[in-house]
Every structure is written in structure tokens, then in C-alpha cells.
Amino acid sequence: MLSYRQEEIAFQNGDTVLAGTLCLPEGSGPFPAVLLLPGAGSMARDGLGMFPHYWEAFTRRGIATLSWDKPGIGASSGDWTTQSQQERAEEGVAALNWLRRRSDIAADKVGLWGISQAGQILPLIYTLASEAVAFMIAASVPPDIGDEQELFRVTNHLLTEGYELTDVDRALAFSKIRLFLQRAQAPYSLVESLQRLMLQEPWLRDAGIWDQKRYEQHMHGEAHSDILSLLKEVRCPFLAVFGERDTIINGQECARLYTSALKHNPDVTVTTIPQADHALFLSQTGGFREMDRSFLLPPEQQSLAPGYLDLITQWVQQRFILQHEKGAH
């Protein structure tokens, strides 16, 4: 039996209708709330089966959650594959505005949560609607997705999956050439030819095959904004969380960059979760394959890293429920 109430909802962003699920704690409210932004790929409102853990954890502490199907997924109209980052941010603002208009939601206590690629949308939403964003939680979000980040991913992923050092070196040489072509804005046909030459290499799929859309987005800077510059303007409470065993991003370096970019923000927490992978699952290796196996499990069998959900939910509770109650006395 659920310890929270679920409501099937819909809100509009331009001509697109987004369908989702609002989870409300027991009681009448008004409640603080958090938007769970959909991540990369064709993600529905349940976050690849991961979000029910968040629904339960947040509502148990008196915090509502809202998640929704990406455009063209589930019951939502539109097409997520054509969205730019700016358009995804505008979608987030539409969700924020819809939620803040509800009488059972505390309009001044609505914040954002995003993981990995979704988390890179957070500062864009803040730029568009800073007065509406009460807090932000960035989970496994790299502030910079440049060459060093890509080479870190390739190296650590291949090593974790057991490839020989000679294979890792070849994959790195290939990746550096591909990144050079991207910086030089070479036609995609050259990248395609390079990838075709490597088809017999056992590591190619693990290093990643770029399609034309992905290549052109990154080449023209459409895939990301200057996240660090945007973070410098953020003044709401900010929590950045990284997984100790993440092999996709360099959590230690990311933590340093966040701390520096947010140095003028008076309420910043940057922390690392022990034994956690990129998705914050409990992990032995931090590798892609182990993480994929975790996603494929039914929600009741998935294991997020110990302490992660308590950390993020208590962080919100302390600032927007307990602090308010203390002030009332």
C-alpha cells in the first residue's frame, strides 16, 4: 500500500501537452515540492523504473513530487528527439509554473532535481525563472562535457569492463581523433568513415558510436550551454551529489568545479555517495553493464546507494519544513 497519494495530471508547454504523475504526502498541505526532470533518451514519468524510490522517499518527509512523460512518450504529445536544451528548459518552467499554481503546493518552496544530462537543464531553468526556483539538486551532473570528460568516460568504462591496456590506448587514440574532427567542425562523413574503419575493434561499441545528430549538436554547441557561467549566478540552495564509483564522469573534478563556480552562493552542499555509480545505484564496479542490469530490475529489487535518498530528502526537509516549523515557534 502506498504511503502517498498519486494524481495523474497534464500541463501545457506551447502546443505540447505533457502527461505526468503528481505524488502528494498525506495531509492537506500546502507542501514543498520537487520536479524530477526526465533524463536522456525516451524516458517516461517513472524514470526507467527509478522514480518510485524518489516518490516514496520525498513524500515520506512531507515533500510532493512531479514527474512526466517526455514529449512523444507515454501520454505526452510532441517529439523529444527534436528538442534543444533551451526547449527542455522551457518545458521545465511550464511544469514549475503549473505546479506553483496549485493550492496544495507551497509556491515559494518548489525546487528542481536532475540527474546527468537532465541536471544540465537546471541552471537554464533558473536563468529563465529564478524567482520561481526555491532549490536545486544536481545528481551526477558534469558542469563541463568537453574533451577531458569524454576521454575520462572512455578510459574508465573500458578499464572497468576488463579491456586490455592496449585496447584502451587504441580507443583513446580513436576518441582523440574523433574529438579533433568535432572541434574542427569536419563533415560527419569523416567521422562516419573513421568509425567504419574501427568496426572490427572489440571496444568500439563501448567507446560509443556517434550518429549524425549527436555529432552535429555537439559540434555546434547545441548539446550544452556554458554550465559553469550559469552556475555562478545561482543564489538558491544548491546540492550537488556524485557517486564514488562513477565511471562516466570524474566526480572529484566535478565537485571541485561546482565548489568554485558556486562560491558566492551562501547555501551550497557538494558531497560524494560511497559505493554509488552514475545513477546512484549501489555498485561494485561503477560500470555501464552493472548499471544497466540495475535499471532492468523491477523497482522493488533495485538498490540505490545507502544514504543517498535520506541525504537529498533531509536536505530539502531541513530547509523548507523543519526550518519553517522552528520559525513558527
Foldseek 3Di string as FASTA:
>chain_A
DAQWDKDWDWFDQVPKIWIWIKTFHPDQALFFEEEEQADDDQDAQCNLQACVVLSRLQSVLRYMYIGTGADPHDPIHDDNVPDFLLSSLSVVLRVLVVQLPDPSHPQLRYAYEYAALRLLSRLVNCVVCVSRHQEYEYALYFLDCADVLLLLLLQQQCVLVPDDPVLSVVLSVLSVVLNVCLQVVHQCVVLVVSLVVCVPRPCSVVSNRDDRVRSVCVSVVRSHDNSLQSLLPHAHAYEYEYEPQESNGDLVVRLVSNCVSNVVHPHYHYYYAYCAASVQFRHDHNYPVVVVVLSPDNSVPTHGGPPPSVVVSVVSSVVPPVVVVVVVD
